[in-house]
Amino acid sequence: MDTLSRIKEMAAKEFSIDPGGLDPSAPLDTLGIDSLSFIEFMFKVEEEFGVSVSDDDLRGIKTLADLERQVAAALAAAGKA
């Protein structure tokens, strides 16, 4: 399973969203994900992938696709990609 698919699966479970209707390019707030919930979700994503996303990079994440790019970059930097 690729990174985006895993993130979508995790988000669908975490936020009770139908994974089939989950648009990774949709703004997080339109998915019903507020900033506090997203921060909590980020801890789970970091744990799942064994990476850390910096606070600066975190501020630029507006969609699940943005999140996937940051996780992929962190995986590549750590030699895990």
N, C-alpha and C. Protein backbone atom coordinates (compact mmCIF):
# COMPACT_ATOMS: atom_id res chain seq x y z
N MET A 1 0.86 -1.18 0.00
CA MET A 1 0.00 0.00 0.00
C MET A 1 0.90 1.24 0.00
N ASP A 2 0.61 2.19 -0.87
CA ASP A 2 1.44 3.39 -0.95
C ASP A 2 1.12 4.35 0.20
N THR A 3 1.97 5.36 0.33
CA THR A 3 1.87 6.30 1.45
C THR A 3 0.51 7.00 1.48
N LEU A 4 0.06 7.51 0.34
CA LEU A 4 -1.22 8.23 0.32
C LEU A 4 -2.37 7.31 0.69
N SER A 5 -2.36 6.09 0.20
CA SER A 5 -3.42 5.14 0.54
C SER A 5 -3.45 4.85 2.04
N ARG A 6 -2.28 4.71 2.63
CA ARG A 6 -2.22 4.46 4.08
C ARG A 6 -2.74 5.66 4.86
N ILE A 7 -2.35 6.87 4.43
CA ILE A 7 -2.82 8.07 5.11
C ILE A 7 -4.33 8.21 4.96
N LYS A 8 -4.85 7.97 3.76
CA LYS A 8 -6.31 8.04 3.55
C LYS A 8 -7.03 7.04 4.43
N GLU A 9 -6.50 5.82 4.51
CA GLU A 9 -7.11 4.78 5.34
C GLU A 9 -7.12 5.20 6.81
N MET A 10 -5.99 5.74 7.26
CA MET A 10 -5.91 6.20 8.65
C MET A 10 -6.89 7.34 8.91
N ALA A 11 -6.96 8.31 7.98
CA ALA A 11 -7.86 9.46 8.15
C ALA A 11 -9.32 9.01 8.14
N ALA A 12 -9.65 8.09 7.26
CA ALA A 12 -11.02 7.59 7.19
C ALA A 12 -11.43 6.96 8.52
N LYS A 13 -10.53 6.18 9.09
CA LYS A 13 -10.81 5.53 10.37
C LYS A 13 -10.88 6.55 11.50
N GLU A 14 -9.89 7.45 11.54
CA GLU A 14 -9.78 8.44 12.62
C GLU A 14 -10.96 9.40 12.66
N PHE A 15 -11.41 9.82 11.47
CA PHE A 15 -12.43 10.87 11.40
C PHE A 15 -13.78 10.37 10.90
N SER A 16 -13.94 9.06 10.84
CA SER A 16 -15.21 8.44 10.41
C SER A 16 -15.68 8.99 9.07
N ILE A 17 -14.76 8.96 8.10
CA ILE A 17 -15.06 9.43 6.74
C ILE A 17 -15.03 8.21 5.82
N ASP A 18 -15.96 8.16 4.88
CA ASP A 18 -15.97 7.09 3.89
C ASP A 18 -14.70 7.19 3.04
N PRO A 19 -13.84 6.18 3.07
CA PRO A 19 -12.59 6.27 2.33
C PRO A 19 -12.79 6.43 0.82
N GLY A 20 -13.87 5.92 0.29
CA GLY A 20 -14.15 6.04 -1.13
C GLY A 20 -14.45 7.47 -1.54
N GLY A 21 -14.97 8.26 -0.63
CA GLY A 21 -15.30 9.63 -0.93
C GLY A 21 -14.29 10.62 -0.41
N LEU A 22 -13.15 10.13 0.02
CA LEU A 22 -12.12 10.98 0.61
C LEU A 22 -11.22 11.54 -0.48
N ASP A 23 -11.35 12.83 -0.74
CA ASP A 23 -10.54 13.50 -1.76
C ASP A 23 -9.27 14.04 -1.11
N PRO A 24 -8.10 13.50 -1.46
CA PRO A 24 -6.86 13.92 -0.82
C PRO A 24 -6.49 15.37 -1.11
N SER A 25 -7.10 15.98 -2.12
CA SER A 25 -6.78 17.37 -2.44
C SER A 25 -7.77 18.36 -1.81
N ALA A 26 -8.75 17.84 -1.09
CA ALA A 26 -9.72 18.71 -0.43
C ALA A 26 -9.11 19.32 0.82
N PRO A 27 -9.39 20.60 1.08
CA PRO A 27 -8.90 21.22 2.32
C PRO A 27 -9.38 20.42 3.54
N LEU A 28 -8.50 20.30 4.52
CA LEU A 28 -8.81 19.50 5.71
C LEU A 28 -10.09 19.94 6.40
N ASP A 29 -10.31 21.26 6.47
CA ASP A 29 -11.51 21.72 7.17
C ASP A 29 -12.79 21.32 6.46
N THR A 30 -12.75 21.12 5.14
CA THR A 30 -13.96 20.67 4.43
C THR A 30 -14.23 19.20 4.71
N LEU A 31 -13.22 18.50 5.22
CA LEU A 31 -13.40 17.10 5.60
C LEU A 31 -13.85 16.97 7.06
N GLY A 32 -14.01 18.12 7.72
CA GLY A 32 -14.42 18.11 9.12
C GLY A 32 -13.26 17.90 10.07
N ILE A 33 -12.05 18.16 9.60
CA ILE A 33 -10.85 17.98 10.42
C ILE A 33 -10.39 19.35 10.90
N ASP A 34 -10.52 19.60 12.20
CA ASP A 34 -10.07 20.89 12.74
C ASP A 34 -8.60 20.80 13.12
N SER A 35 -8.01 21.92 13.49
CA SER A 35 -6.57 21.97 13.72
C SER A 35 -6.12 21.09 14.88
N LEU A 36 -6.87 21.05 15.96
CA LEU A 36 -6.48 20.21 17.10
C LEU A 36 -6.56 18.73 16.72
N SER A 37 -7.63 18.35 16.06
CA SER A 37 -7.77 16.96 15.62
C SER A 37 -6.65 16.58 14.67
N PHE A 38 -6.26 17.53 13.81
CA PHE A 38 -5.19 17.25 12.86
C PHE A 38 -3.86 17.03 13.57
N ILE A 39 -3.58 17.83 14.58
CA ILE A 39 -2.33 17.67 15.33
C ILE A 39 -2.29 16.29 15.98
N GLU A 40 -3.39 15.87 16.56
CA GLU A 40 -3.46 14.55 17.18
C GLU A 40 -3.27 13.47 16.12
N PHE A 41 -3.87 13.68 14.96
CA PHE A 41 -3.73 12.73 13.84
C PHE A 41 -2.28 12.67 13.38
N MET A 42 -1.61 13.82 13.36
CA MET A 42 -0.21 13.86 12.94
C MET A 42 0.67 12.98 13.82
N PHE A 43 0.41 12.98 15.12
CA PHE A 43 1.18 12.12 16.02
C PHE A 43 1.04 10.65 15.59
N LYS A 44 -0.16 10.26 15.23
CA LYS A 44 -0.41 8.88 14.80
C LYS A 44 0.28 8.59 13.47
N VAL A 45 0.24 9.56 12.55
CA VAL A 45 0.89 9.38 11.25
C VAL A 45 2.40 9.25 11.44
N GLU A 46 2.97 10.13 12.26
CA GLU A 46 4.41 10.06 12.51
C GLU A 46 4.80 8.72 13.12
N GLU A 47 3.99 8.24 14.04
CA GLU A 47 4.26 6.94 14.66
C GLU A 47 4.13 5.81 13.64
N GLU A 48 3.09 5.85 12.84
CA GLU A 48 2.85 4.82 11.83
C GLU A 48 4.01 4.70 10.84
N PHE A 49 4.52 5.85 10.40
CA PHE A 49 5.56 5.86 9.38
C PHE A 49 6.98 5.95 9.97
N GLY A 50 7.09 6.18 11.27
CA GLY A 50 8.39 6.27 11.89
C GLY A 50 9.19 7.49 11.46
N VAL A 51 8.47 8.59 11.23
CA VAL A 51 9.12 9.84 10.82
C VAL A 51 8.64 10.98 11.70
N SER A 52 9.30 12.12 11.54
CA SER A 52 8.89 13.33 12.23
C SER A 52 8.75 14.44 11.20
N VAL A 53 7.66 15.19 11.29
CA VAL A 53 7.42 16.33 10.40
C VAL A 53 7.63 17.58 11.25
N SER A 54 8.48 18.48 10.77
CA SER A 54 8.79 19.68 11.53
C SER A 54 7.57 20.59 11.67
N ASP A 55 7.60 21.43 12.68
CA ASP A 55 6.51 22.38 12.88
C ASP A 55 6.36 23.31 11.68
N ASP A 56 7.48 23.73 11.09
CA ASP A 56 7.40 24.59 9.90
C ASP A 56 6.71 23.88 8.75
N ASP A 57 7.08 22.61 8.51
CA ASP A 57 6.44 21.84 7.44
C ASP A 57 4.98 21.57 7.76
N LEU A 58 4.69 21.37 9.03
CA LEU A 58 3.32 21.10 9.47
C LEU A 58 2.38 22.26 9.12
N ARG A 59 2.89 23.48 9.26
CA ARG A 59 2.06 24.66 8.96
C ARG A 59 1.64 24.72 7.49
N GLY A 60 2.40 24.11 6.61
CA GLY A 60 2.09 24.13 5.19
C GLY A 60 1.13 23.05 4.74
N ILE A 61 0.74 22.19 5.65
CA ILE A 61 -0.15 21.08 5.29
C ILE A 61 -1.60 21.55 5.35
N LYS A 62 -2.24 21.57 4.21
CA LYS A 62 -3.64 22.00 4.11
C LYS A 62 -4.56 20.89 3.63
N THR A 63 -3.96 19.83 3.06
CA THR A 63 -4.72 18.71 2.51
C THR A 63 -4.03 17.40 2.88
N LEU A 64 -4.70 16.29 2.67
CA LEU A 64 -4.05 14.99 2.89
C LEU A 64 -2.95 14.76 1.87
N ALA A 65 -3.10 15.32 0.67
CA ALA A 65 -2.04 15.21 -0.34
C ALA A 65 -0.79 15.95 0.13
N ASP A 66 -0.97 17.12 0.75
CA ASP A 66 0.17 17.86 1.32
C ASP A 66 0.85 17.01 2.39
N LEU A 67 0.04 16.37 3.21
CA LEU A 67 0.57 15.52 4.27
C LEU A 67 1.38 14.38 3.68
N GLU A 68 0.86 13.77 2.63
CA GLU A 68 1.57 12.67 1.98
C GLU A 68 2.92 13.13 1.46
N ARG A 69 2.98 14.31 0.87
CA ARG A 69 4.25 14.83 0.35
C ARG A 69 5.26 15.03 1.48
N GLN A 70 4.79 15.55 2.61
CA GLN A 70 5.70 15.77 3.74
C GLN A 70 6.19 14.44 4.32
N VAL A 71 5.30 13.48 4.44
CA VAL A 71 5.69 12.17 4.96
C VAL A 71 6.66 11.49 3.99
N ALA A 72 6.37 11.57 2.70
CA ALA A 72 7.27 10.97 1.69
C ALA A 72 8.65 11.62 1.75
N ALA A 73 8.69 12.95 1.91
CA ALA A 73 9.97 13.64 2.00
C ALA A 73 10.72 13.21 3.27
N ALA A 74 10.00 13.07 4.38
CA ALA A 74 10.64 12.64 5.63
C ALA A 74 11.15 11.21 5.51
N LEU A 75 10.39 10.36 4.84
CA LEU A 75 10.83 8.98 4.61
C LEU A 75 12.09 8.94 3.75
N ALA A 76 12.10 9.76 2.70
CA ALA A 76 13.27 9.81 1.81
C ALA A 76 14.49 10.33 2.56
N ALA A 77 14.30 11.35 3.36
CA ALA A 77 15.41 11.94 4.12
C ALA A 77 15.97 10.92 5.12
N ALA A 78 15.10 10.08 5.64
CA ALA A 78 15.53 9.08 6.62
C ALA A 78 16.01 7.79 5.95
N GLY A 79 15.95 7.77 4.60
CA GLY A 79 16.37 6.58 3.87
C GLY A 79 15.40 5.42 3.97
N LYS A 80 14.13 5.74 4.26
CA LYS A 80 13.11 4.70 4.43
C LYS A 80 12.20 4.56 3.22
N ALA A 81 12.40 5.41 2.23
CA ALA A 81 11.50 5.38 1.06
C ALA A 81 11.89 4.30 0.10
